[in-house]
Amino acid sequence: MAFRARHLLGIEHLTQDDIRTVLDLADSYVDLNRRTVKKTDALEGMTQINMFFENSTRTQASFELAGKRLGADVMNMSMQTSSVKKGETLIDTAMTLNAMHPDLLVVRHQNSGAVDLLAQKVECAVLNAGDGRHEHPTQALLDALTIRREKGRIQRLTVAICGDIAHSRVARSNLILLGKMENRVRLVGPPTLMPAGVAELGIEVYDDMREGLRDADVVMMLRLQKERMDGGFLPSEREYFHRYGLDAEKLSYAKDDAIVMHPGPMNRGVEIDGTIADDINRSVIQEQVEMGVAVRMACMDLLAQNLRRERGRALTEGQYV
C-alpha cells in the first residue's frame, strides 16, 4: 500500500495516494465493524497508549475501540492526574514512555506542536489526536471518508466550512486535505472568527452564510470553541445563530442533495438547528462517528505495518534489540 509515513502528525505531509490508501483500507474496516465479530489481529502483540491532555469523548473512545478491534493491548493514561501535573516536562514524559516500549502513541494536547515534539523523542509511531489550533488529521480523514461514501467521490466538490474557523484545528486539517484532493473550499463565518490573512491565501471567504452556502455539495459546521476565546468574538449566541447557525432557510441555498456535517460536540440552537442535525436525509453526523473508528483503525494498521518493516530492517542490520 502507498503509505510510508513514520507518524501521523498532520495532513500537510500526506500525498493524494497516502490519503486514498487510508480511505480504501478504512472502507474495509467499515464492513468489519458492521459484522457480529468485529475483531482482527492486525495489531496483535502491540501496545497502544492513549495520552489525552485535553478531555475528549468521541476521539478517545474511537481510538480505544479501534485499537481493541485491531487486537492491540490498549492503555489509557489519565493525564489529569499524571506526573505532568506535578511538574514533569513533556520530554521527561517521553523518556518514561520509551522505557515502557509502546508501539503506538495517540496524543491529544492543548498546545500546538506538542505532539510533534513527542514524536521526535519516542521510538514508537505517534498519532496526533488534536494539538492546539494546529491539526486534527484523523478528523479530516474521517470527514473525507464520509464525503466519499455519500457523494461517490472526494474530488471536484464545493465544500463550505462554516463557523469558528480561527480556533478550529478541524477546519485547518480539512482545508489542507480538501485542497489536496482538488475541491473548491469556502470558509464562512464572522470576520472575528476568521484567521488573519486567510483571504490573501486565495481561499474563498464569506461573512454572509447564504452566499457562502450557495450551490454547495457539502456543508460542514464547526463548534464554537469558547474555551479558546479570550475576547469579544460574538455579540451573543442568539445573534450568532440568527446570522451563522444552520437552519432550513440557510440550507436551502445549498444544493438539494447537499450533506450536513459537524465534528461534535454540537451546540444545538447555536451552530445548528436540532431538526437539521437529526434530518436523516441531509445530516451525516452519526455516519461521521462511525467512520471515525474505521479511519483510526486504518491509520494505526498502516503505521504499525511501517513500524514492523522498520524494525525488521534494523534487526537485520543488528541495530534493534
C-alpha atoms as a PDB file:
ATOM      1  CA  MET A   1       0.000   0.000   0.000  1.00  0.00           C
ATOM      2  CA  ALA A   2       1.184   3.542  -0.802  1.00  0.00           C
ATOM      3  CA  PHE A   3       1.646   4.850   2.731  1.00  0.00           C
ATOM      4  CA  ARG A   4       5.155   5.345   4.082  1.00  0.00           C
ATOM      5  CA  ALA A   5       4.667   7.764   6.980  1.00  0.00           C
ATOM      6  CA  ARG A   6       6.507   7.122  10.271  1.00  0.00           C
ATOM      7  CA  HIS A   7       3.930   9.141  12.260  1.00  0.00           C
ATOM      8  CA  LEU A   8       0.569  10.767  11.562  1.00  0.00           C
ATOM      9  CA  LEU A   9       1.084  14.307  12.847  1.00  0.00           C
ATOM     10  CA  GLY A  10      -0.958  16.190  10.263  1.00  0.00           C
ATOM     11  CA  ILE A  11      -2.411  16.181   6.759  1.00  0.00           C
ATOM     12  CA  GLU A  12       0.211  18.558   5.380  1.00  0.00           C
ATOM     13  CA  HIS A  13       2.799  15.864   4.644  1.00  0.00           C
ATOM     14  CA  LEU A  14       0.379  13.314   3.153  1.00  0.00           C
ATOM     15  CA  THR A  15       0.121  12.834  -0.607  1.00  0.00           C
ATOM     16  CA  GLN A  16      -3.055  12.135  -2.553  1.00  0.00           C
ATOM     17  CA  ASP A  17      -2.015   8.478  -2.697  1.00  0.00           C
ATOM     18  CA  ASP A  18      -1.500   8.408   1.090  1.00  0.00           C
ATOM     19  CA  ILE A  19      -4.995   9.783   1.608  1.00  0.00           C
ATOM     20  CA  ARG A  20      -6.573   7.308  -0.815  1.00  0.00           C
ATOM     21  CA  THR A  21      -4.713   4.422   0.833  1.00  0.00           C
ATOM     22  CA  VAL A  22      -6.110   5.345   4.251  1.00  0.00           C
ATOM     23  CA  LEU A  23      -9.644   5.757   2.888  1.00  0.00           C
ATOM     24  CA  ASP A  24      -9.560   2.483   0.940  1.00  0.00           C
ATOM     25  CA  LEU A  25      -8.385   0.497   3.969  1.00  0.00           C
ATOM     26  CA  ALA A  26     -10.878   2.306   6.209  1.00  0.00           C
ATOM     27  CA  ASP A  27     -13.668   1.251   3.830  1.00  0.00           C
ATOM     28  CA  SER A  28     -12.825  -2.382   4.554  1.00  0.00           C
ATOM     29  CA  TYR A  29     -12.871  -1.668   8.288  1.00  0.00           C
ATOM     30  CA  VAL A  30     -16.351  -0.139   7.989  1.00  0.00           C
ATOM     31  CA  ASP A  31     -17.506  -3.531   6.727  1.00  0.00           C
ATOM     32  CA  LEU A  32     -15.692  -5.320   9.578  1.00  0.00           C
ATOM     33  CA  ASN A  33     -17.240  -3.032  12.186  1.00  0.00           C
ATOM     34  CA  ARG A  34     -20.727  -3.871  10.950  1.00  0.00           C
ATOM     35  CA  ARG A  35     -20.248  -7.606  11.478  1.00  0.00           C
ATOM     36  CA  THR A  36     -21.154  -9.551  14.588  1.00  0.00           C
ATOM     37  CA  VAL A  37     -17.480 -10.383  15.200  1.00  0.00           C
ATOM     38  CA  LYS A  38     -15.501  -7.156  14.850  1.00  0.00           C
ATOM     39  CA  LYS A  39     -12.011  -8.314  15.828  1.00  0.00           C
ATOM     40  CA  THR A  40      -8.886  -8.712  13.724  1.00  0.00           C
ATOM     41  CA  ASP A  41      -5.270  -9.432  14.645  1.00  0.00           C
ATOM     42  CA  ALA A  42      -3.579  -6.597  12.716  1.00  0.00           C
ATOM     43  CA  LEU A  43      -2.045  -5.186  15.931  1.00  0.00           C
ATOM     44  CA  GLU A  44      -1.693  -8.453  17.838  1.00  0.00           C
ATOM     45  CA  GLY A  45       1.250  -8.268  20.256  1.00  0.00           C
ATOM     46  CA  MET A  46       1.456  -4.468  20.015  1.00  0.00           C
ATOM     47  CA  THR A  47       0.821  -1.899  22.760  1.00  0.00           C
ATOM     48  CA  GLN A  48      -1.145   1.310  22.210  1.00  0.00           C
ATOM     49  CA  ILE A  49      -1.026   4.135  24.769  1.00  0.00           C
ATOM     50  CA  ASN A  50      -3.612   6.929  24.637  1.00  0.00           C
ATOM     51  CA  MET A  51      -2.478  10.215  26.209  1.00  0.00           C
ATOM     52  CA  PHE A  52      -5.229  12.841  26.237  1.00  0.00           C
ATOM     53  CA  PHE A  53      -4.078  16.063  27.890  1.00  0.00           C
ATOM     54  CA  GLU A  54      -7.409  17.558  26.764  1.00  0.00           C
ATOM     55  CA  ASN A  55     -10.748  15.950  27.530  1.00  0.00           C
ATOM     56  CA  SER A  56     -12.436  14.144  24.679  1.00  0.00           C
ATOM     57  CA  THR A  57     -15.345  11.757  24.262  1.00  0.00           C
ATOM     58  CA  ARG A  58     -15.584  10.787  20.597  1.00  0.00           C
ATOM     59  CA  THR A  59     -11.906  10.839  19.700  1.00  0.00           C
ATOM     60  CA  GLN A  60     -10.602   8.980  22.737  1.00  0.00           C
ATOM     61  CA  ALA A  61     -13.394   6.404  22.674  1.00  0.00           C
ATOM     62  CA  SER A  62     -12.940   5.721  18.963  1.00  0.00           C
ATOM     63  CA  PHE A  63      -9.142   5.361  19.246  1.00  0.00           C
ATOM     64  CA  GLU A  64      -9.574   2.971  22.165  1.00  0.00           C
ATOM     65  CA  LEU A  65     -12.197   0.949  20.319  1.00  0.00           C
ATOM     66  CA  ALA A  66     -10.107   0.957  17.141  1.00  0.00           C
ATOM     67  CA  GLY A  67      -7.052  -0.406  18.953  1.00  0.00           C
ATOM     68  CA  LYS A  68      -9.004  -3.147  20.698  1.00  0.00           C
ATOM     69  CA  ARG A  69     -10.706  -4.237  17.485  1.00  0.00           C
ATOM     70  CA  LEU A  70      -7.274  -4.493  15.865  1.00  0.00           C
ATOM     71  CA  GLY A  71      -6.068  -6.732  18.690  1.00  0.00           C
ATOM     72  CA  ALA A  72      -3.718  -4.295  20.457  1.00  0.00           C
ATOM     73  CA  ASP A  73      -3.167  -4.027  24.197  1.00  0.00           C
ATOM     74  CA  VAL A  74      -4.653  -0.587  24.887  1.00  0.00           C
ATOM     75  CA  MET A  75      -3.753   1.611  27.853  1.00  0.00           C
ATOM     76  CA  ASN A  76      -5.393   4.947  28.633  1.00  0.00           C
ATOM     77  CA  MET A  77      -3.168   7.273  30.673  1.00  0.00           C
ATOM     78  CA  SER A  78      -5.050   9.685  32.927  1.00  0.00           C
ATOM     79  CA  MET A  79      -3.175  12.892  32.163  1.00  0.00           C
ATOM     80  CA  GLN A  80      -5.290  14.942  34.596  1.00  0.00           C
ATOM     81  CA  THR A  81      -3.618  13.035  37.473  1.00  0.00           C
ATOM     82  CA  SER A  82      -0.289  12.327  35.752  1.00  0.00           C
ATOM     83  CA  SER A  83       3.222  13.422  36.645  1.00  0.00           C
ATOM     84  CA  VAL A  84       2.854  16.259  34.120  1.00  0.00           C
ATOM     85  CA  LYS A  85       0.506  17.880  36.619  1.00  0.00           C
ATOM     86  CA  LYS A  86       3.272  17.514  39.209  1.00  0.00           C
ATOM     87  CA  GLY A  87       5.758  19.414  37.076  1.00  0.00           C
ATOM     88  CA  GLU A  88       7.212  16.746  34.809  1.00  0.00           C
ATOM     89  CA  THR A  89       8.184  18.085  31.382  1.00  0.00           C
ATOM     90  CA  LEU A  90       6.892  16.645  28.140  1.00  0.00           C
ATOM     91  CA  ILE A  91      10.427  15.457  27.330  1.00  0.00           C
ATOM     92  CA  ASP A  92      10.647  13.558  30.636  1.00  0.00           C
ATOM     93  CA  THR A  93       7.264  12.017  29.886  1.00  0.00           C
ATOM     94  CA  ALA A  94       8.619  10.891  26.510  1.00  0.00           C
ATOM     95  CA  MET A  95      11.637   9.272  28.166  1.00  0.00           C
ATOM     96  CA  THR A  96       9.347   7.444  30.606  1.00  0.00           C
ATOM     97  CA  LEU A  97       7.200   6.194  27.734  1.00  0.00           C
ATOM     98  CA  ASN A  98      10.253   4.952  25.848  1.00  0.00           C
ATOM     99  CA  ALA A  99      11.128   2.771  28.809  1.00  0.00           C
ATOM    100  CA  MET A 100       7.700   1.099  28.516  1.00  0.00           C
ATOM    101  CA  HIS A 101       8.341   0.166  24.827  1.00  0.00           C
ATOM    102  CA  PRO A 102       4.920   1.080  23.393  1.00  0.00           C
ATOM    103  CA  ASP A 103       4.291   0.625  19.678  1.00  0.00           C
ATOM    104  CA  LEU A 104       1.623   3.263  19.074  1.00  0.00           C
ATOM    105  CA  LEU A 105       1.156   6.515  20.957  1.00  0.00           C
ATOM    106  CA  VAL A 106      -2.055   8.525  20.500  1.00  0.00           C
ATOM    107  CA  VAL A 107      -1.737  12.086  21.823  1.00  0.00           C
ATOM    108  CA  ARG A 108      -4.151  14.979  22.222  1.00  0.00           C
ATOM    109  CA  HIS A 109      -2.641  18.172  23.619  1.00  0.00           C
ATOM    110  CA  GLN A 110      -3.770  21.730  24.177  1.00  0.00           C
ATOM    111  CA  ASN A 111      -0.571  23.218  22.741  1.00  0.00           C
ATOM    112  CA  SER A 112       0.194  23.349  19.024  1.00  0.00           C
ATOM    113  CA  GLY A 113       3.373  21.431  18.233  1.00  0.00           C
ATOM    114  CA  ALA A 114       3.413  19.365  21.434  1.00  0.00           C
ATOM    115  CA  VAL A 115       2.609  16.122  19.581  1.00  0.00           C
ATOM    116  CA  ASP A 116       5.391  16.777  17.069  1.00  0.00           C
ATOM    117  CA  LEU A 117       7.846  17.317  19.949  1.00  0.00           C
ATOM    118  CA  LEU A 118       6.874  13.967  21.479  1.00  0.00           C
ATOM    119  CA  ALA A 119       7.278  12.243  18.116  1.00  0.00           C
ATOM    120  CA  GLN A 120      10.875  13.457  17.944  1.00  0.00           C
ATOM    121  CA  LYS A 121      11.699  11.874  21.310  1.00  0.00           C
ATOM    122  CA  VAL A 122       9.953   8.476  21.264  1.00  0.00           C
ATOM    123  CA  GLU A 123      10.763   5.328  19.324  1.00  0.00           C
ATOM    124  CA  CYS A 124       7.178   4.332  18.527  1.00  0.00           C
ATOM    125  CA  ALA A 125       4.647   5.581  15.963  1.00  0.00           C
ATOM    126  CA  VAL A 126       2.758   8.713  17.071  1.00  0.00           C
ATOM    127  CA  LEU A 127      -0.756   9.737  16.024  1.00  0.00           C
ATOM    128  CA  ASN A 128      -1.958  13.291  16.527  1.00  0.00           C
ATOM    129  CA  ALA A 129      -5.444  13.277  18.069  1.00  0.00           C
ATOM    130  CA  GLY A 130      -5.539  17.083  18.010  1.00  0.00           C
ATOM    131  CA  ASP A 131      -2.950  19.663  19.090  1.00  0.00           C
ATOM    132  CA  GLY A 132      -3.967  23.217  19.948  1.00  0.00           C
ATOM    133  CA  ARG A 133      -5.090  25.130  16.876  1.00  0.00           C
ATOM    134  CA  HIS A 134      -2.704  23.179  14.650  1.00  0.00           C
ATOM    135  CA  GLU A 135      -4.249  19.995  13.235  1.00  0.00           C
ATOM    136  CA  HIS A 136      -6.629  17.100  13.813  1.00  0.00           C
ATOM    137  CA  PRO A 137      -5.674  14.754  10.948  1.00  0.00           C
ATOM    138  CA  THR A 138      -7.887  11.755  11.706  1.00  0.00           C
ATOM    139  CA  GLN A 139     -10.949  14.030  11.870  1.00  0.00           C
ATOM    140  CA  ALA A 140     -10.207  15.325   8.353  1.00  0.00           C
ATOM    141  CA  LEU A 141      -9.682  11.765   7.115  1.00  0.00           C
ATOM    142  CA  LEU A 142     -12.950  10.513   8.608  1.00  0.00           C
ATOM    143  CA  ASP A 143     -14.726  13.537   7.132  1.00  0.00           C
ATOM    144  CA  ALA A 144     -13.211  12.674   3.748  1.00  0.00           C
ATOM    145  CA  LEU A 145     -14.361   9.066   4.046  1.00  0.00           C
ATOM    146  CA  THR A 146     -17.877  10.206   4.979  1.00  0.00           C
ATOM    147  CA  ILE A 147     -17.998  12.552   1.988  1.00  0.00           C
ATOM    148  CA  ARG A 148     -16.643   9.918  -0.408  1.00  0.00           C
ATOM    149  CA  ARG A 149     -19.168   7.309   0.708  1.00  0.00           C
ATOM    150  CA  GLU A 150     -22.056   9.779   0.477  1.00  0.00           C
ATOM    151  CA  LYS A 151     -21.036  11.542  -2.744  1.00  0.00           C
ATOM    152  CA  GLY A 152     -19.181   8.749  -4.505  1.00  0.00           C
ATOM    153  CA  ARG A 153     -16.024  10.853  -4.799  1.00  0.00           C
ATOM    154  CA  ILE A 154     -13.740  13.163  -2.844  1.00  0.00           C
ATOM    155  CA  GLN A 155     -12.725  15.416  -5.752  1.00  0.00           C
ATOM    156  CA  ARG A 156     -14.281  18.408  -7.519  1.00  0.00           C
ATOM    157  CA  LEU A 157     -16.867  19.171  -4.851  1.00  0.00           C
ATOM    158  CA  THR A 158     -17.839  22.524  -3.373  1.00  0.00           C
ATOM    159  CA  VAL A 159     -17.420  22.372   0.401  1.00  0.00           C
ATOM    160  CA  ALA A 160     -18.470  25.170   2.753  1.00  0.00           C
ATOM    161  CA  ILE A 161     -16.738  25.091   6.163  1.00  0.00           C
ATOM    162  CA  CYS A 162     -18.770  27.316   8.470  1.00  0.00           C
ATOM    163  CA  GLY A 163     -18.394  28.877  11.895  1.00  0.00           C
ATOM    164  CA  ASP A 164     -15.427  29.299  14.212  1.00  0.00           C
ATOM    165  CA  ILE A 165     -12.617  28.916  11.684  1.00  0.00           C
ATOM    166  CA  ALA A 166     -10.000  30.831  13.689  1.00  0.00           C
ATOM    167  CA  HIS A 167      -9.875  28.415  16.624  1.00  0.00           C
ATOM    168  CA  SER A 168     -10.510  25.177  14.711  1.00  0.00           C
ATOM    169  CA  ARG A 169      -7.824  22.568  14.046  1.00  0.00           C
ATOM    170  CA  VAL A 170     -10.584  20.574  12.317  1.00  0.00           C
ATOM    171  CA  ALA A 171     -11.025  23.404   9.802  1.00  0.00           C
ATOM    172  CA  ARG A 172      -7.269  23.586   9.193  1.00  0.00           C
ATOM    173  CA  SER A 173      -6.884  19.843   8.552  1.00  0.00           C
ATOM    174  CA  ASN A 174      -9.967  19.743   6.323  1.00  0.00           C
ATOM    175  CA  LEU A 175      -8.816  22.789   4.394  1.00  0.00           C
ATOM    176  CA  ILE A 176      -5.487  21.104   3.647  1.00  0.00           C
ATOM    177  CA  LEU A 177      -6.986  17.700   2.771  1.00  0.00           C
ATOM    178  CA  LEU A 178      -9.821  19.026   0.621  1.00  0.00           C
ATOM    179  CA  GLY A 179      -7.379  21.298  -1.191  1.00  0.00           C
ATOM    180  CA  LYS A 180      -5.025  18.404  -1.893  1.00  0.00           C
ATOM    181  CA  MET A 181      -7.953  16.461  -3.360  1.00  0.00           C
ATOM    182  CA  GLU A 182      -8.854  19.317  -5.751  1.00  0.00           C
ATOM    183  CA  ASN A 183     -12.069  20.540  -4.164  1.00  0.00           C
ATOM    184  CA  ARG A 184     -13.454  24.067  -4.057  1.00  0.00           C
ATOM    185  CA  VAL A 185     -13.409  25.091  -0.394  1.00  0.00           C
ATOM    186  CA  ARG A 186     -15.220  28.099   1.068  1.00  0.00           C
ATOM    187  CA  LEU A 187     -14.779  29.451   4.585  1.00  0.00           C
ATOM    188  CA  VAL A 188     -17.928  31.016   6.010  1.00  0.00           C
ATOM    189  CA  GLY A 189     -18.188  32.898   9.290  1.00  0.00           C
ATOM    190  CA  PRO A 190     -17.963  36.253  11.062  1.00  0.00           C
ATOM    191  CA  PRO A 191     -14.749  38.253  10.469  1.00  0.00           C
ATOM    192  CA  THR A 192     -13.904  37.960  14.189  1.00  0.00           C
ATOM    193  CA  LEU A 193     -13.742  34.155  13.825  1.00  0.00           C
ATOM    194  CA  MET A 194     -11.733  34.104  10.602  1.00  0.00           C
ATOM    195  CA  PRO A 195      -7.924  33.660  10.692  1.00  0.00           C
ATOM    196  CA  ALA A 196      -5.969  36.792   9.880  1.00  0.00           C
ATOM    197  CA  GLY A 197      -4.810  36.953   6.265  1.00  0.00           C
ATOM    198  CA  VAL A 198      -6.755  33.901   5.125  1.00  0.00           C
ATOM    199  CA  ALA A 199      -8.230  35.715   2.114  1.00  0.00           C
ATOM    200  CA  GLU A 200      -4.693  36.551   0.926  1.00  0.00           C
ATOM    201  CA  LEU A 201      -4.045  32.800   0.529  1.00  0.00           C
ATOM    202  CA  GLY A 202      -6.545  32.648  -2.319  1.00  0.00           C
ATOM    203  CA  ILE A 203      -9.241  30.914  -0.265  1.00  0.00           C
ATOM    204  CA  GLU A 204     -12.857  31.947  -0.769  1.00  0.00           C
ATOM    205  CA  VAL A 205     -14.094  33.719   2.367  1.00  0.00           C
ATOM    206  CA  TYR A 206     -17.696  34.728   3.077  1.00  0.00           C
ATOM    207  CA  ASP A 207     -19.288  36.520   6.005  1.00  0.00           C
ATOM    208  CA  ASP A 208     -22.756  36.003   4.518  1.00  0.00           C
ATOM    209  CA  MET A 209     -23.999  32.488   5.232  1.00  0.00           C
ATOM    210  CA  ARG A 210     -26.425  32.345   2.326  1.00  0.00           C
ATOM    211  CA  GLU A 211     -23.835  33.389  -0.252  1.00  0.00           C
ATOM    212  CA  GLY A 212     -21.298  31.005   1.238  1.00  0.00           C
ATOM    213  CA  LEU A 213     -23.687  28.045   1.016  1.00  0.00           C
ATOM    214  CA  ARG A 214     -24.936  28.779  -2.491  1.00  0.00           C
ATOM    215  CA  ASP A 215     -24.742  25.564  -4.585  1.00  0.00           C
ATOM    216  CA  ALA A 216     -22.520  23.810  -2.034  1.00  0.00           C
ATOM    217  CA  ASP A 217     -22.290  19.990  -2.128  1.00  0.00           C
ATOM    218  CA  VAL A 218     -21.158  19.722   1.493  1.00  0.00           C
ATOM    219  CA  VAL A 219     -21.961  21.975   4.457  1.00  0.00           C
ATOM    220  CA  MET A 220     -19.510  21.425   7.295  1.00  0.00           C
ATOM    221  CA  MET A 221     -20.462  23.178  10.535  1.00  0.00           C
ATOM    222  CA  LEU A 222     -17.945  23.791  13.333  1.00  0.00           C
ATOM    223  CA  ARG A 223     -18.256  24.038  17.097  1.00  0.00           C
ATOM    224  CA  LEU A 224     -17.883  27.427  18.754  1.00  0.00           C
ATOM    225  CA  GLN A 225     -14.725  26.893  20.800  1.00  0.00           C
ATOM    226  CA  LYS A 226     -15.447  29.236  23.679  1.00  0.00           C
ATOM    227  CA  GLU A 227     -12.611  27.745  25.740  1.00  0.00           C
ATOM    228  CA  ARG A 228     -10.133  29.220  23.231  1.00  0.00           C
ATOM    229  CA  MET A 229     -11.762  32.649  23.081  1.00  0.00           C
ATOM    230  CA  ASP A 230     -10.340  35.401  25.266  1.00  0.00           C
ATOM    231  CA  GLY A 231     -12.200  38.404  23.905  1.00  0.00           C
ATOM    232  CA  GLY A 232     -15.460  39.680  22.474  1.00  0.00           C
ATOM    233  CA  PHE A 233     -15.691  37.447  19.425  1.00  0.00           C
ATOM    234  CA  LEU A 234     -19.504  37.219  19.485  1.00  0.00           C
ATOM    235  CA  PRO A 235     -22.296  39.670  20.336  1.00  0.00           C
ATOM    236  CA  SER A 236     -24.464  36.824  21.698  1.00  0.00           C
ATOM    237  CA  GLU A 237     -25.264  33.189  20.944  1.00  0.00           C
ATOM    238  CA  ARG A 238     -28.734  34.204  19.826  1.00  0.00           C
ATOM    239  CA  GLU A 239     -27.337  36.693  17.331  1.00  0.00           C
ATOM    240  CA  TYR A 240     -24.748  34.148  16.184  1.00  0.00           C
ATOM    241  CA  PHE A 241     -27.453  31.567  15.417  1.00  0.00           C
ATOM    242  CA  HIS A 242     -29.514  34.169  13.595  1.00  0.00           C
ATOM    243  CA  ARG A 243     -26.619  35.009  11.268  1.00  0.00           C
ATOM    244  CA  TYR A 244     -24.482  31.857  11.137  1.00  0.00           C
ATOM    245  CA  GLY A 245     -26.436  28.975  12.651  1.00  0.00           C
ATOM    246  CA  LEU A 246     -27.539  26.390  10.115  1.00  0.00           C
ATOM    247  CA  ASP A 247     -31.310  26.183   9.692  1.00  0.00           C
ATOM    248  CA  ALA A 248     -33.595  25.060   6.893  1.00  0.00           C
ATOM    249  CA  GLU A 249     -33.780  28.515   5.303  1.00  0.00           C
ATOM    250  CA  LYS A 250     -29.986  28.916   5.032  1.00  0.00           C
ATOM    251  CA  LEU A 251     -29.518  25.294   3.942  1.00  0.00           C
ATOM    252  CA  SER A 252     -31.942  25.887   1.047  1.00  0.00           C
ATOM    253  CA  TYR A 253     -29.183  27.883  -0.681  1.00  0.00           C
ATOM    254  CA  ALA A 254     -27.010  24.754  -0.941  1.00  0.00           C
ATOM    255  CA  LYS A 255     -27.676  22.036  -3.494  1.00  0.00           C
ATOM    256  CA  ASP A 256     -30.785  19.941  -2.920  1.00  0.00           C
ATOM    257  CA  ASP A 257     -28.645  16.878  -2.201  1.00  0.00           C
ATOM    258  CA  ALA A 258     -26.065  18.696  -0.054  1.00  0.00           C
ATOM    259  CA  ILE A 259     -24.984  16.810   3.068  1.00  0.00           C
ATOM    260  CA  VAL A 260     -24.591  18.400   6.505  1.00  0.00           C
ATOM    261  CA  MET A 261     -21.604  17.593   8.736  1.00  0.00           C
ATOM    262  CA  HIS A 262     -20.439  18.515  12.252  1.00  0.00           C
ATOM    263  CA  PRO A 263     -17.400  17.139  14.124  1.00  0.00           C
ATOM    264  CA  GLY A 264     -19.154  17.338  17.503  1.00  0.00           C
ATOM    265  CA  PRO A 265     -19.923  18.046  20.175  1.00  0.00           C
ATOM    266  CA  MET A 266     -22.785  20.162  18.837  1.00  0.00           C
ATOM    267  CA  ASN A 267     -24.312  23.234  20.420  1.00  0.00           C
ATOM    268  CA  ARG A 268     -27.877  22.856  19.172  1.00  0.00           C
ATOM    269  CA  GLY A 269     -29.620  26.141  18.573  1.00  0.00           C
ATOM    270  CA  VAL A 270     -26.264  27.933  18.338  1.00  0.00           C
ATOM    271  CA  GLU A 271     -24.321  26.337  15.458  1.00  0.00           C
ATOM    272  CA  ILE A 272     -27.074  24.172  14.039  1.00  0.00           C
ATOM    273  CA  ASP A 273     -30.813  23.732  14.353  1.00  0.00           C
ATOM    274  CA  GLY A 274     -31.747  20.430  16.001  1.00  0.00           C
ATOM    275  CA  THR A 275     -34.123  19.444  13.200  1.00  0.00           C
ATOM    276  CA  ILE A 276     -31.308  19.783  10.635  1.00  0.00           C
ATOM    277  CA  ALA A 277     -28.872  17.816  12.812  1.00  0.00           C
ATOM    278  CA  ASP A 278     -31.407  14.981  13.081  1.00  0.00           C
ATOM    279  CA  ASP A 279     -32.590  15.008   9.450  1.00  0.00           C
ATOM    280  CA  ILE A 280     -31.631  11.562   8.163  1.00  0.00           C
ATOM    281  CA  ASN A 281     -31.935  12.777   4.559  1.00  0.00           C
ATOM    282  CA  ARG A 282     -29.329  15.552   4.955  1.00  0.00           C
ATOM    283  CA  SER A 283     -27.300  15.029   8.126  1.00  0.00           C
ATOM    284  CA  VAL A 284     -24.359  12.582   8.130  1.00  0.00           C
ATOM    285  CA  ILE A 285     -23.221  13.458  11.654  1.00  0.00           C
ATOM    286  CA  GLN A 286     -23.770   9.951  13.015  1.00  0.00           C
ATOM    287  CA  GLU A 287     -22.038   8.490   9.967  1.00  0.00           C
ATOM    288  CA  GLN A 288     -19.008  10.650  10.830  1.00  0.00           C
ATOM    289  CA  VAL A 289     -18.822   8.991  14.244  1.00  0.00           C
ATOM    290  CA  GLU A 290     -18.978   5.533  12.641  1.00  0.00           C
ATOM    291  CA  MET A 291     -16.314   6.432  10.062  1.00  0.00           C
ATOM    292  CA  GLY A 292     -14.080   7.694  12.871  1.00  0.00           C
ATOM    293  CA  VAL A 293     -13.495   4.210  14.259  1.00  0.00           C
ATOM    294  CA  ALA A 294     -12.764   2.753  10.808  1.00  0.00           C
ATOM    295  CA  VAL A 295     -10.362   5.559   9.832  1.00  0.00           C
ATOM    296  CA  ARG A 296      -8.445   5.316  13.094  1.00  0.00           C
ATOM    297  CA  MET A 297      -8.178   1.554  12.635  1.00  0.00           C
ATOM    298  CA  ALA A 298      -6.760   2.118   9.147  1.00  0.00           C
ATOM    299  CA  CYS A 299      -4.252   4.741  10.321  1.00  0.00           C
ATOM    300  CA  MET A 300      -2.946   2.575  13.157  1.00  0.00           C
ATOM    301  CA  ASP A 301      -2.791  -0.508  10.930  1.00  0.00           C
ATOM    302  CA  LEU A 302      -0.735   1.344   8.274  1.00  0.00           C
ATOM    303  CA  LEU A 303       1.635   2.901  10.820  1.00  0.00           C
ATOM    304  CA  ALA A 304       2.086  -0.481  12.508  1.00  0.00           C
ATOM    305  CA  GLN A 305       2.985  -2.077   9.165  1.00  0.00           C
ATOM    306  CA  ASN A 306       5.627   0.592   8.594  1.00  0.00           C
ATOM    307  CA  LEU A 307       6.931   0.193  12.149  1.00  0.00           C
ATOM    308  CA  ARG A 308       7.294  -3.569  11.700  1.00  0.00           C
ATOM    309  CA  ARG A 309       9.177  -3.065   8.422  1.00  0.00           C
ATOM    310  CA  GLU A 310      11.482  -0.518  10.050  1.00  0.00           C
ATOM    311  CA  ARG A 311      12.199  -2.800  12.984  1.00  0.00           C
ATOM    312  CA  GLY A 312      12.736  -5.728  10.655  1.00  0.00           C
ATOM    313  CA  ARG A 313      15.368  -3.803   8.709  1.00  0.00           C
ATOM    314  CA  ALA A 314      17.064  -2.666  11.921  1.00  0.00           C
ATOM    315  CA  LEU A 315      17.098  -6.231  13.271  1.00  0.00           C
ATOM    316  CA  THR A 316      18.676  -7.470  10.044  1.00  0.00           C
ATOM    317  CA  GLU A 317      21.355  -4.818  10.385  1.00  0.00           C
ATOM    318  CA  GLY A 318      21.890  -5.664  14.065  1.00  0.00           C
ATOM    319  CA  GLN A 319      20.629  -2.300  15.327  1.00  0.00           C
ATOM    320  CA  TYR A 320      17.370  -3.195  17.096  1.00  0.00           C
ATOM    321  CA  VAL A 321      17.134  -5.009  20.426  1.00  0.00           C
END
